[in-house]
Amino acid sequence: MKTETIEAVYEHGSFRPVAPADVELTEGQKVRLVVQPIEEPGDVLALAARVYEGLTDEQIDAIEQHMRQR
């Protein structure tokens, strides 16, 4: 059997494929799952929005000035 990558959703203690999967498995066959969360665009944007969180205006200006010099 070749290795397949299938997107799935974890619901109620089980993994459910997002789309029909074309895999050749027999009922009860053991497989190995490697769970790699898929980041949604909103997750990355939320993280970016917090980059300067807790910094003073002076600290933000110093960081941005440094970045412009690069």
N, C-alpha and C. Protein backbone atom coordinates (compact mmCIF):
# COMPACT_ATOMS: atom_id res chain seq x y z
N MET A 1 0.84 -1.18 0.00
CA MET A 1 0.00 0.00 0.00
C MET A 1 0.88 1.24 0.00
N LYS A 2 0.56 2.19 -0.85
CA LYS A 2 1.35 3.42 -0.88
C LYS A 2 0.84 4.39 0.18
N THR A 3 1.68 5.33 0.56
CA THR A 3 1.33 6.34 1.55
C THR A 3 0.42 7.38 0.93
N GLU A 4 -0.64 7.72 1.63
CA GLU A 4 -1.61 8.73 1.16
C GLU A 4 -1.70 9.85 2.17
N THR A 5 -1.95 11.04 1.71
CA THR A 5 -2.23 12.18 2.58
C THR A 5 -3.70 12.53 2.40
N ILE A 6 -4.43 12.51 3.50
CA ILE A 6 -5.87 12.76 3.47
C ILE A 6 -6.19 13.81 4.53
N GLU A 7 -6.91 14.86 4.15
CA GLU A 7 -7.35 15.83 5.14
C GLU A 7 -8.55 15.27 5.88
N ALA A 8 -8.56 15.49 7.19
CA ALA A 8 -9.64 14.97 8.01
C ALA A 8 -9.98 15.98 9.10
N VAL A 9 -11.15 15.79 9.67
CA VAL A 9 -11.62 16.61 10.78
C VAL A 9 -11.78 15.69 11.98
N TYR A 10 -11.35 16.15 13.15
CA TYR A 10 -11.50 15.37 14.37
C TYR A 10 -12.82 15.75 15.02
N GLU A 11 -13.74 14.81 15.12
CA GLU A 11 -15.07 15.06 15.68
C GLU A 11 -15.48 13.90 16.58
N HIS A 12 -15.92 14.23 17.76
CA HIS A 12 -16.47 13.22 18.68
C HIS A 12 -15.53 12.02 18.86
N GLY A 13 -14.24 12.30 18.95
CA GLY A 13 -13.27 11.24 19.22
C GLY A 13 -12.82 10.43 18.03
N SER A 14 -13.22 10.83 16.81
CA SER A 14 -12.82 10.09 15.61
C SER A 14 -12.38 11.05 14.52
N PHE A 15 -11.57 10.55 13.60
CA PHE A 15 -11.16 11.33 12.44
C PHE A 15 -12.10 11.02 11.29
N ARG A 16 -12.63 12.08 10.66
CA ARG A 16 -13.55 11.93 9.53
C ARG A 16 -12.90 12.59 8.31
N PRO A 17 -12.70 11.84 7.22
CA PRO A 17 -12.13 12.45 6.02
C PRO A 17 -12.99 13.62 5.53
N VAL A 18 -12.33 14.69 5.07
CA VAL A 18 -13.04 15.86 4.56
C VAL A 18 -13.70 15.54 3.22
N ALA A 19 -13.02 14.76 2.40
CA ALA A 19 -13.55 14.38 1.09
C ALA A 19 -13.43 12.86 0.96
N PRO A 20 -14.17 12.27 0.06
CA PRO A 20 -14.04 10.83 -0.14
C PRO A 20 -12.59 10.46 -0.44
N ALA A 21 -12.10 9.44 0.24
CA ALA A 21 -10.70 9.04 0.08
C ALA A 21 -10.62 7.80 -0.81
N ASP A 22 -9.67 7.80 -1.71
CA ASP A 22 -9.45 6.67 -2.61
C ASP A 22 -8.29 5.84 -2.06
N VAL A 23 -8.55 5.17 -0.94
CA VAL A 23 -7.50 4.34 -0.34
C VAL A 23 -7.98 2.90 -0.29
N GLU A 24 -7.04 1.99 -0.38
CA GLU A 24 -7.36 0.57 -0.38
C GLU A 24 -7.09 0.01 1.01
N LEU A 25 -8.09 0.07 1.88
CA LEU A 25 -7.97 -0.45 3.23
C LEU A 25 -9.01 -1.54 3.44
N THR A 26 -8.66 -2.50 4.26
CA THR A 26 -9.63 -3.52 4.62
C THR A 26 -10.21 -3.15 5.98
N GLU A 27 -11.42 -3.57 6.23
CA GLU A 27 -12.09 -3.27 7.50
C GLU A 27 -11.22 -3.78 8.66
N GLY A 28 -10.95 -2.92 9.61
CA GLY A 28 -10.15 -3.27 10.78
C GLY A 28 -8.65 -3.16 10.59
N GLN A 29 -8.21 -2.75 9.39
CA GLN A 29 -6.78 -2.62 9.12
C GLN A 29 -6.20 -1.48 9.95
N LYS A 30 -5.04 -1.71 10.53
CA LYS A 30 -4.36 -0.67 11.30
C LYS A 30 -3.59 0.23 10.35
N VAL A 31 -3.60 1.51 10.65
CA VAL A 31 -2.83 2.50 9.90
C VAL A 31 -2.15 3.42 10.91
N ARG A 32 -1.18 4.18 10.46
CA ARG A 32 -0.50 5.15 11.31
C ARG A 32 -0.92 6.55 10.86
N LEU A 33 -1.47 7.32 11.79
CA LEU A 33 -1.86 8.70 11.51
C LEU A 33 -0.79 9.65 12.03
N VAL A 34 -0.38 10.59 11.21
CA VAL A 34 0.50 11.66 11.64
C VAL A 34 -0.35 12.92 11.61
N VAL A 35 -0.63 13.47 12.77
CA VAL A 35 -1.53 14.61 12.86
C VAL A 35 -0.73 15.90 12.69
N GLN A 36 -1.08 16.67 11.68
CA GLN A 36 -0.43 17.94 11.39
C GLN A 36 -1.54 18.97 11.22
N PRO A 37 -1.80 19.79 12.24
CA PRO A 37 -2.88 20.77 12.14
C PRO A 37 -2.69 21.69 10.93
N ILE A 38 -3.78 22.00 10.27
CA ILE A 38 -3.76 22.90 9.12
C ILE A 38 -4.14 24.28 9.62
N GLU A 39 -3.24 25.23 9.46
CA GLU A 39 -3.52 26.59 9.91
C GLU A 39 -4.46 27.27 8.93
N GLU A 40 -5.45 27.90 9.48
CA GLU A 40 -6.38 28.68 8.67
C GLU A 40 -5.81 30.08 8.49
N PRO A 41 -6.10 30.75 7.37
CA PRO A 41 -5.59 32.11 7.16
C PRO A 41 -5.91 33.05 8.33
N GLY A 42 -7.06 32.90 8.92
CA GLY A 42 -7.44 33.75 10.04
C GLY A 42 -6.53 33.56 11.25
N ASP A 43 -5.99 32.34 11.44
CA ASP A 43 -5.07 32.07 12.54
C ASP A 43 -3.79 32.88 12.37
N VAL A 44 -3.26 32.89 11.16
CA VAL A 44 -2.02 33.62 10.89
C VAL A 44 -2.26 35.12 11.03
N LEU A 45 -3.38 35.61 10.54
CA LEU A 45 -3.68 37.04 10.65
C LEU A 45 -3.85 37.46 12.11
N ALA A 46 -4.49 36.61 12.91
CA ALA A 46 -4.66 36.92 14.33
C ALA A 46 -3.30 36.99 15.02
N LEU A 47 -2.40 36.10 14.67
CA LEU A 47 -1.06 36.11 15.24
C LEU A 47 -0.31 37.38 14.82
N ALA A 48 -0.40 37.74 13.56
CA ALA A 48 0.27 38.95 13.06
C ALA A 48 -0.27 40.20 13.74
N ALA A 49 -1.55 40.21 14.04
CA ALA A 49 -2.15 41.38 14.69
C ALA A 49 -1.63 41.58 16.10
N ARG A 50 -1.06 40.53 16.70
CA ARG A 50 -0.57 40.63 18.07
C ARG A 50 0.94 40.84 18.16
N VAL A 51 1.61 41.05 17.04
CA VAL A 51 3.07 41.18 17.03
C VAL A 51 3.55 42.28 17.96
N TYR A 52 2.92 43.41 17.94
CA TYR A 52 3.36 44.55 18.74
C TYR A 52 2.63 44.65 20.07
N GLU A 53 1.84 43.66 20.41
CA GLU A 53 1.05 43.69 21.63
C GLU A 53 1.96 43.88 22.86
N GLY A 54 1.63 44.86 23.69
CA GLY A 54 2.38 45.10 24.92
C GLY A 54 3.58 46.02 24.77
N LEU A 55 3.90 46.44 23.54
CA LEU A 55 5.04 47.32 23.32
C LEU A 55 4.59 48.78 23.32
N THR A 56 5.49 49.64 23.71
CA THR A 56 5.20 51.08 23.68
C THR A 56 5.35 51.58 22.25
N ASP A 57 4.83 52.78 22.00
CA ASP A 57 4.98 53.37 20.66
C ASP A 57 6.45 53.55 20.31
N GLU A 58 7.27 53.91 21.29
CA GLU A 58 8.70 54.10 21.05
C GLU A 58 9.37 52.79 20.66
N GLN A 59 8.99 51.70 21.31
CA GLN A 59 9.56 50.40 20.97
C GLN A 59 9.14 49.97 19.57
N ILE A 60 7.91 50.21 19.23
CA ILE A 60 7.41 49.86 17.89
C ILE A 60 8.15 50.68 16.84
N ASP A 61 8.33 51.99 17.08
CA ASP A 61 9.06 52.84 16.14
C ASP A 61 10.49 52.35 15.96
N ALA A 62 11.16 51.94 17.05
CA ALA A 62 12.53 51.47 16.97
C ALA A 62 12.61 50.18 16.14
N ILE A 63 11.67 49.29 16.34
CA ILE A 63 11.65 48.03 15.58
C ILE A 63 11.43 48.31 14.10
N GLU A 64 10.47 49.16 13.79
CA GLU A 64 10.17 49.46 12.38
C GLU A 64 11.32 50.20 11.72
N GLN A 65 11.98 51.08 12.45
CA GLN A 65 13.13 51.79 11.88
C GLN A 65 14.25 50.80 11.58
N HIS A 66 14.48 49.88 12.47
CA HIS A 66 15.49 48.85 12.25
C HIS A 66 15.17 48.01 11.01
N MET A 67 13.91 47.65 10.85
CA MET A 67 13.50 46.85 9.69
C MET A 67 13.67 47.61 8.38
N ARG A 68 13.43 48.92 8.39
CA ARG A 68 13.61 49.71 7.16
C ARG A 68 15.07 49.80 6.76
N GLN A 69 15.96 49.68 7.72
CA GLN A 69 17.40 49.76 7.44
C GLN A 69 17.93 48.47 6.84
N ARG A 70 17.20 47.38 6.96
CA ARG A 70 17.67 46.09 6.46
C ARG A 70 17.53 46.00 4.99
